[in-house]
């Protein structure tokens, strides 16, 4: 099941991730479900971890969760075999409310700037991670399926080359200007 604690991820999920799941032949309601946005931040995470049905009785499409085969035997975070978090949320909240209470292996996918916060949990709580564009591009390359991350990493690399070139030109111009004044 997939849920979110800020409003943006459900849109990303629907437009970027779900098309790949559907191509893999997975069936909505049988193999996966989308819970949608859960307002309330850490409190919502804690409630969801304790009892999903107190937070969500239906999925984003209005289907009752208790009538979906994918939710058979699923009531709390400990009922999942694997916890995967993707987002830009507070790492401490996610670890405190989802990963640690689950007692299950976890995968964290997020922004590179969260690495210092996430690393104390690796490898005991978080068994794997993809942090930042560079690692996302590496993952696509390992799978031999270059996609948007590889393309974005190429653009970012080109931007860095341009930036360094401009820094060199700026320093050269400054040095020449100083020599002319002497």
C-alpha atoms as a PDB file:
ATOM      1  CA  UNK A   1       0.000   0.000   0.000  1.00  0.00           C
ATOM      2  CA  UNK A   2       1.155   3.549  -0.577  1.00  0.00           C
ATOM      3  CA  UNK A   3       0.334   6.649   1.419  1.00  0.00           C
ATOM      4  CA  UNK A   4       1.685  10.167   1.884  1.00  0.00           C
ATOM      5  CA  UNK A   5       2.072  12.684   4.693  1.00  0.00           C
ATOM      6  CA  UNK A   6       2.426  15.767   2.481  1.00  0.00           C
ATOM      7  CA  UNK A   7       0.100  16.629  -0.434  1.00  0.00           C
ATOM      8  CA  UNK A   8       2.509  16.257  -3.380  1.00  0.00           C
ATOM      9  CA  UNK A   9       3.473  12.532  -3.426  1.00  0.00           C
ATOM     10  CA  UNK A  10       0.088  11.126  -4.514  1.00  0.00           C
ATOM     11  CA  UNK A  11       0.360  13.108  -7.752  1.00  0.00           C
ATOM     12  CA  UNK A  12       3.919  11.867  -8.291  1.00  0.00           C
ATOM     13  CA  UNK A  13       2.804   8.331  -7.488  1.00  0.00           C
ATOM     14  CA  UNK A  14      -0.032   8.449  -9.995  1.00  0.00           C
ATOM     15  CA  UNK A  15       2.024   9.979 -12.817  1.00  0.00           C
ATOM     16  CA  UNK A  16       5.475   8.433 -12.344  1.00  0.00           C
ATOM     17  CA  UNK A  17       5.355   5.210 -10.338  1.00  0.00           C
ATOM     18  CA  UNK A  18       1.966   3.584 -11.002  1.00  0.00           C
ATOM     19  CA  UNK A  19       2.393   3.373 -14.787  1.00  0.00           C
ATOM     20  CA  UNK A  20       5.416   1.117 -14.170  1.00  0.00           C
ATOM     21  CA  UNK A  21       3.480  -1.033 -11.705  1.00  0.00           C
ATOM     22  CA  UNK A  22       0.648  -1.413 -14.202  1.00  0.00           C
ATOM     23  CA  UNK A  23       3.137  -2.378 -16.945  1.00  0.00           C
ATOM     24  CA  UNK A  24       4.478  -5.092 -14.627  1.00  0.00           C
ATOM     25  CA  UNK A  25       1.040  -6.704 -14.708  1.00  0.00           C
ATOM     26  CA  UNK A  26       0.066  -5.825 -11.138  1.00  0.00           C
ATOM     27  CA  UNK A  27      -3.628  -5.356 -10.359  1.00  0.00           C
ATOM     28  CA  UNK A  28      -4.974  -2.492  -8.278  1.00  0.00           C
ATOM     29  CA  UNK A  29      -6.712  -3.743  -5.146  1.00  0.00           C
ATOM     30  CA  UNK A  30      -5.182  -7.211  -5.448  1.00  0.00           C
ATOM     31  CA  UNK A  31      -1.456  -6.394  -5.578  1.00  0.00           C
ATOM     32  CA  UNK A  32      -1.350  -2.777  -4.391  1.00  0.00           C
ATOM     33  CA  UNK A  33      -3.483   0.060  -3.095  1.00  0.00           C
ATOM     34  CA  UNK A  34      -3.001   3.820  -2.871  1.00  0.00           C
ATOM     35  CA  UNK A  35      -4.138   5.368   0.407  1.00  0.00           C
ATOM     36  CA  UNK A  36      -3.431   8.948  -0.661  1.00  0.00           C
ATOM     37  CA  UNK A  37      -2.565  11.964   1.437  1.00  0.00           C
ATOM     38  CA  UNK A  38      -2.820  11.623   5.195  1.00  0.00           C
ATOM     39  CA  UNK A  39      -2.801  15.053   6.857  1.00  0.00           C
ATOM     40  CA  UNK A  40      -1.314  15.319  10.335  1.00  0.00           C
ATOM     41  CA  UNK A  41       2.394  14.659   9.900  1.00  0.00           C
ATOM     42  CA  UNK A  42       3.975  12.603  12.671  1.00  0.00           C
ATOM     43  CA  UNK A  43       0.675  12.066  14.484  1.00  0.00           C
ATOM     44  CA  UNK A  44      -0.840  10.620  11.319  1.00  0.00           C
ATOM     45  CA  UNK A  45       2.205   8.352  10.833  1.00  0.00           C
ATOM     46  CA  UNK A  46       1.888   7.069  14.405  1.00  0.00           C
ATOM     47  CA  UNK A  47      -1.841   6.393  14.004  1.00  0.00           C
ATOM     48  CA  UNK A  48      -1.338   4.691  10.643  1.00  0.00           C
ATOM     49  CA  UNK A  49       1.396   2.486  12.131  1.00  0.00           C
ATOM     50  CA  UNK A  50      -0.895   1.449  15.013  1.00  0.00           C
ATOM     51  CA  UNK A  51      -4.055   0.858  12.966  1.00  0.00           C
ATOM     52  CA  UNK A  52      -4.405   1.776   9.292  1.00  0.00           C
ATOM     53  CA  UNK A  53      -8.210   1.655   9.489  1.00  0.00           C
ATOM     54  CA  UNK A  54      -8.393   4.442  12.082  1.00  0.00           C
ATOM     55  CA  UNK A  55      -6.778   6.740   9.531  1.00  0.00           C
ATOM     56  CA  UNK A  56      -8.125   5.343   6.244  1.00  0.00           C
ATOM     57  CA  UNK A  57     -11.301   3.375   5.699  1.00  0.00           C
ATOM     58  CA  UNK A  58     -11.120   3.893   1.910  1.00  0.00           C
ATOM     59  CA  UNK A  59      -8.419   4.292  -0.719  1.00  0.00           C
ATOM     60  CA  UNK A  60      -7.987   7.337  -2.974  1.00  0.00           C
ATOM     61  CA  UNK A  61     -10.606   5.938  -5.353  1.00  0.00           C
ATOM     62  CA  UNK A  62     -13.219   5.564  -2.599  1.00  0.00           C
ATOM     63  CA  UNK A  63     -12.963   1.756  -2.358  1.00  0.00           C
ATOM     64  CA  UNK A  64     -13.345   0.281   1.115  1.00  0.00           C
ATOM     65  CA  UNK A  65      -9.987  -1.047   2.329  1.00  0.00           C
ATOM     66  CA  UNK A  66     -11.564  -3.942   4.233  1.00  0.00           C
ATOM     67  CA  UNK A  67     -12.968  -5.269   0.933  1.00  0.00           C
ATOM     68  CA  UNK A  68      -9.652  -5.245  -0.956  1.00  0.00           C
ATOM     69  CA  UNK A  69      -7.700  -8.513  -1.229  1.00  0.00           C
ATOM     70  CA  UNK A  70      -4.372  -6.686  -0.881  1.00  0.00           C
ATOM     71  CA  UNK A  71      -5.401  -5.565   2.620  1.00  0.00           C
ATOM     72  CA  UNK A  72      -6.246  -9.069   3.916  1.00  0.00           C
ATOM     73  CA  UNK A  73      -4.398  -9.471   7.203  1.00  0.00           C
ATOM     74  CA  UNK A  74      -3.036  -5.917   7.059  1.00  0.00           C
ATOM     75  CA  UNK A  75      -3.998  -3.705   9.995  1.00  0.00           C
ATOM     76  CA  UNK A  76      -0.782  -2.100  11.261  1.00  0.00           C
ATOM     77  CA  UNK A  77       2.796  -1.423  10.215  1.00  0.00           C
ATOM     78  CA  UNK A  78       4.022  -4.723  11.693  1.00  0.00           C
ATOM     79  CA  UNK A  79       1.832  -6.636   9.207  1.00  0.00           C
ATOM     80  CA  UNK A  80       4.016  -5.555   6.283  1.00  0.00           C
ATOM     81  CA  UNK A  81       7.083  -7.567   5.236  1.00  0.00           C
ATOM     82  CA  UNK A  82       8.947  -4.488   4.045  1.00  0.00           C
ATOM     83  CA  UNK A  83       8.633  -0.763   4.768  1.00  0.00           C
ATOM     84  CA  UNK A  84       9.553   1.574   1.916  1.00  0.00           C
ATOM     85  CA  UNK A  85       9.516   5.331   2.440  1.00  0.00           C
ATOM     86  CA  UNK A  86      10.003   7.780  -0.368  1.00  0.00           C
ATOM     87  CA  UNK A  87       9.790  11.485   0.203  1.00  0.00           C
ATOM     88  CA  UNK A  88      11.280  14.605   1.640  1.00  0.00           C
ATOM     89  CA  UNK A  89       9.955  14.337   5.154  1.00  0.00           C
ATOM     90  CA  UNK A  90      11.636  14.546   8.504  1.00  0.00           C
ATOM     91  CA  UNK A  91      13.858  11.457   8.747  1.00  0.00           C
ATOM     92  CA  UNK A  92      13.578  11.228  12.544  1.00  0.00           C
ATOM     93  CA  UNK A  93       9.757  11.174  12.364  1.00  0.00           C
ATOM     94  CA  UNK A  94       9.742   8.486   9.686  1.00  0.00           C
ATOM     95  CA  UNK A  95      12.200   6.313  11.607  1.00  0.00           C
ATOM     96  CA  UNK A  96      10.429   6.851  14.932  1.00  0.00           C
ATOM     97  CA  UNK A  97       6.898   6.163  13.663  1.00  0.00           C
ATOM     98  CA  UNK A  98       7.281   3.757  10.729  1.00  0.00           C
ATOM     99  CA  UNK A  99      10.640   2.018  10.400  1.00  0.00           C
ATOM    100  CA  UNK A 100      11.568   1.249  14.021  1.00  0.00           C
ATOM    101  CA  UNK A 101       8.072   0.135  15.188  1.00  0.00           C
ATOM    102  CA  UNK A 102       7.693  -2.172  12.169  1.00  0.00           C
ATOM    103  CA  UNK A 103      10.688  -4.264  13.162  1.00  0.00           C
ATOM    104  CA  UNK A 104      10.950  -5.131   9.464  1.00  0.00           C
ATOM    105  CA  UNK A 105      13.586  -4.319   6.847  1.00  0.00           C
ATOM    106  CA  UNK A 106      13.244  -0.843   5.406  1.00  0.00           C
ATOM    107  CA  UNK A 107      14.201   1.031   2.270  1.00  0.00           C
ATOM    108  CA  UNK A 108      14.527   4.824   2.346  1.00  0.00           C
ATOM    109  CA  UNK A 109      14.330   6.842  -0.880  1.00  0.00           C
ATOM    110  CA  UNK A 110      14.777  10.574  -0.534  1.00  0.00           C
ATOM    111  CA  UNK A 111      16.804  13.684  -1.137  1.00  0.00           C
ATOM    112  CA  UNK A 112      20.588  13.505  -0.834  1.00  0.00           C
ATOM    113  CA  UNK A 113      20.579  16.142   1.896  1.00  0.00           C
ATOM    114  CA  UNK A 114      18.913  13.642   4.263  1.00  0.00           C
ATOM    115  CA  UNK A 115      21.859  11.217   4.182  1.00  0.00           C
ATOM    116  CA  UNK A 116      23.472  12.464   7.439  1.00  0.00           C
ATOM    117  CA  UNK A 117      20.146  12.037   9.261  1.00  0.00           C
ATOM    118  CA  UNK A 118      19.411   8.626   7.753  1.00  0.00           C
ATOM    119  CA  UNK A 119      22.834   6.974   8.100  1.00  0.00           C
ATOM    120  CA  UNK A 120      22.642   6.221  11.857  1.00  0.00           C
ATOM    121  CA  UNK A 121      19.766   3.860  10.996  1.00  0.00           C
ATOM    122  CA  UNK A 122      21.755   1.993   8.332  1.00  0.00           C
ATOM    123  CA  UNK A 123      22.025  -1.046   8.154  1.00  0.00           C
ATOM    124  CA  UNK A 124      20.161  -2.109  11.303  1.00  0.00           C
ATOM    125  CA  UNK A 125      16.837  -0.381  10.514  1.00  0.00           C
ATOM    126  CA  UNK A 126      17.252   0.829   6.934  1.00  0.00           C
ATOM    127  CA  UNK A 127      18.629  -1.999   4.815  1.00  0.00           C
ATOM    128  CA  UNK A 128      18.891  -0.038   1.592  1.00  0.00           C
ATOM    129  CA  UNK A 129      18.585   3.501   0.359  1.00  0.00           C
ATOM    130  CA  UNK A 130      18.615   5.717  -2.699  1.00  0.00           C
ATOM    131  CA  UNK A 131      19.438   9.269  -1.750  1.00  0.00           C
ATOM    132  CA  UNK A 132      19.559  11.940  -4.399  1.00  0.00           C
ATOM    133  CA  UNK A 133      19.670  12.154  -8.141  1.00  0.00           C
ATOM    134  CA  UNK A 134      23.119  10.593  -8.437  1.00  0.00           C
ATOM    135  CA  UNK A 135      22.113   7.380  -6.704  1.00  0.00           C
ATOM    136  CA  UNK A 136      18.819   7.250  -8.607  1.00  0.00           C
ATOM    137  CA  UNK A 137      20.770   7.488 -11.871  1.00  0.00           C
ATOM    138  CA  UNK A 138      23.177   4.777 -10.693  1.00  0.00           C
ATOM    139  CA  UNK A 139      20.204   2.535  -9.872  1.00  0.00           C
ATOM    140  CA  UNK A 140      18.752   3.021 -13.363  1.00  0.00           C
ATOM    141  CA  UNK A 141      22.166   2.242 -14.857  1.00  0.00           C
ATOM    142  CA  UNK A 142      22.540  -0.929 -12.765  1.00  0.00           C
ATOM    143  CA  UNK A 143      19.132  -2.070 -13.999  1.00  0.00           C
ATOM    144  CA  UNK A 144      20.281  -1.263 -17.559  1.00  0.00           C
ATOM    145  CA  UNK A 145      17.121   0.848 -17.895  1.00  0.00           C
ATOM    146  CA  UNK A 146      18.266   4.468 -18.160  1.00  0.00           C
ATOM    147  CA  UNK A 147      15.386   6.829 -17.601  1.00  0.00           C
ATOM    148  CA  UNK A 148      14.574  10.240 -16.186  1.00  0.00           C
ATOM    149  CA  UNK A 149      17.214  10.120 -13.434  1.00  0.00           C
ATOM    150  CA  UNK A 150      20.028   9.401 -15.906  1.00  0.00           C
ATOM    151  CA  UNK A 151      18.809  12.188 -18.179  1.00  0.00           C
ATOM    152  CA  UNK A 152      18.526  14.606 -15.261  1.00  0.00           C
ATOM    153  CA  UNK A 153      21.987  13.614 -13.977  1.00  0.00           C
ATOM    154  CA  UNK A 154      23.434  14.307 -17.422  1.00  0.00           C
ATOM    155  CA  UNK A 155      21.805  17.750 -17.416  1.00  0.00           C
ATOM    156  CA  UNK A 156      23.063  18.417 -13.902  1.00  0.00           C
ATOM    157  CA  UNK A 157      26.595  17.392 -14.880  1.00  0.00           C
ATOM    158  CA  UNK A 158      26.485  19.707 -17.881  1.00  0.00           C
ATOM    159  CA  UNK A 159      25.276  22.511 -15.625  1.00  0.00           C
ATOM    160  CA  UNK A 160      28.181  21.891 -13.242  1.00  0.00           C
ATOM    161  CA  UNK A 161      30.664  21.988 -16.116  1.00  0.00           C
ATOM    162  CA  UNK A 162      29.195  25.314 -17.249  1.00  0.00           C
ATOM    163  CA  UNK A 163      29.349  26.672 -13.693  1.00  0.00           C
ATOM    164  CA  UNK A 164      33.009  25.686 -13.284  1.00  0.00           C
ATOM    165  CA  UNK A 165      33.820  27.210 -16.665  1.00  0.00           C
ATOM    166  CA  UNK A 166      32.189  30.491 -15.650  1.00  0.00           C
ATOM    167  CA  UNK A 167      34.075  30.457 -12.323  1.00  0.00           C
ATOM    168  CA  UNK A 168      37.363  30.014 -14.174  1.00  0.00           C
ATOM    169  CA  UNK A 169      36.508  32.814 -16.617  1.00  0.00           C
ATOM    170  CA  UNK A 170      35.440  35.109 -13.784  1.00  0.00           C
ATOM    171  CA  UNK A 171      38.649  34.492 -11.847  1.00  0.00           C
ATOM    172  CA  UNK A 172      40.736  34.974 -14.991  1.00  0.00           C
ATOM    173  CA  UNK A 173      38.969  38.284 -15.749  1.00  0.00           C
ATOM    174  CA  UNK A 174      39.456  39.442 -12.138  1.00  0.00           C
ATOM    175  CA  UNK A 175      43.164  38.555 -12.224  1.00  0.00           C
ATOM    176  CA  UNK A 176      43.713  40.342 -15.556  1.00  0.00           C
ATOM    177  CA  UNK A 177      41.826  43.408 -14.314  1.00  0.00           C
ATOM    178  CA  UNK A 178      44.014  43.589 -11.204  1.00  0.00           C
ATOM    179  CA  UNK A 179      47.189  43.330 -13.312  1.00  0.00           C
ATOM    180  CA  UNK A 180      46.046  46.207 -15.557  1.00  0.00           C
ATOM    181  CA  UNK A 181      45.485  48.485 -12.535  1.00  0.00           C
ATOM    182  CA  UNK A 182      49.080  47.987 -11.346  1.00  0.00           C
END
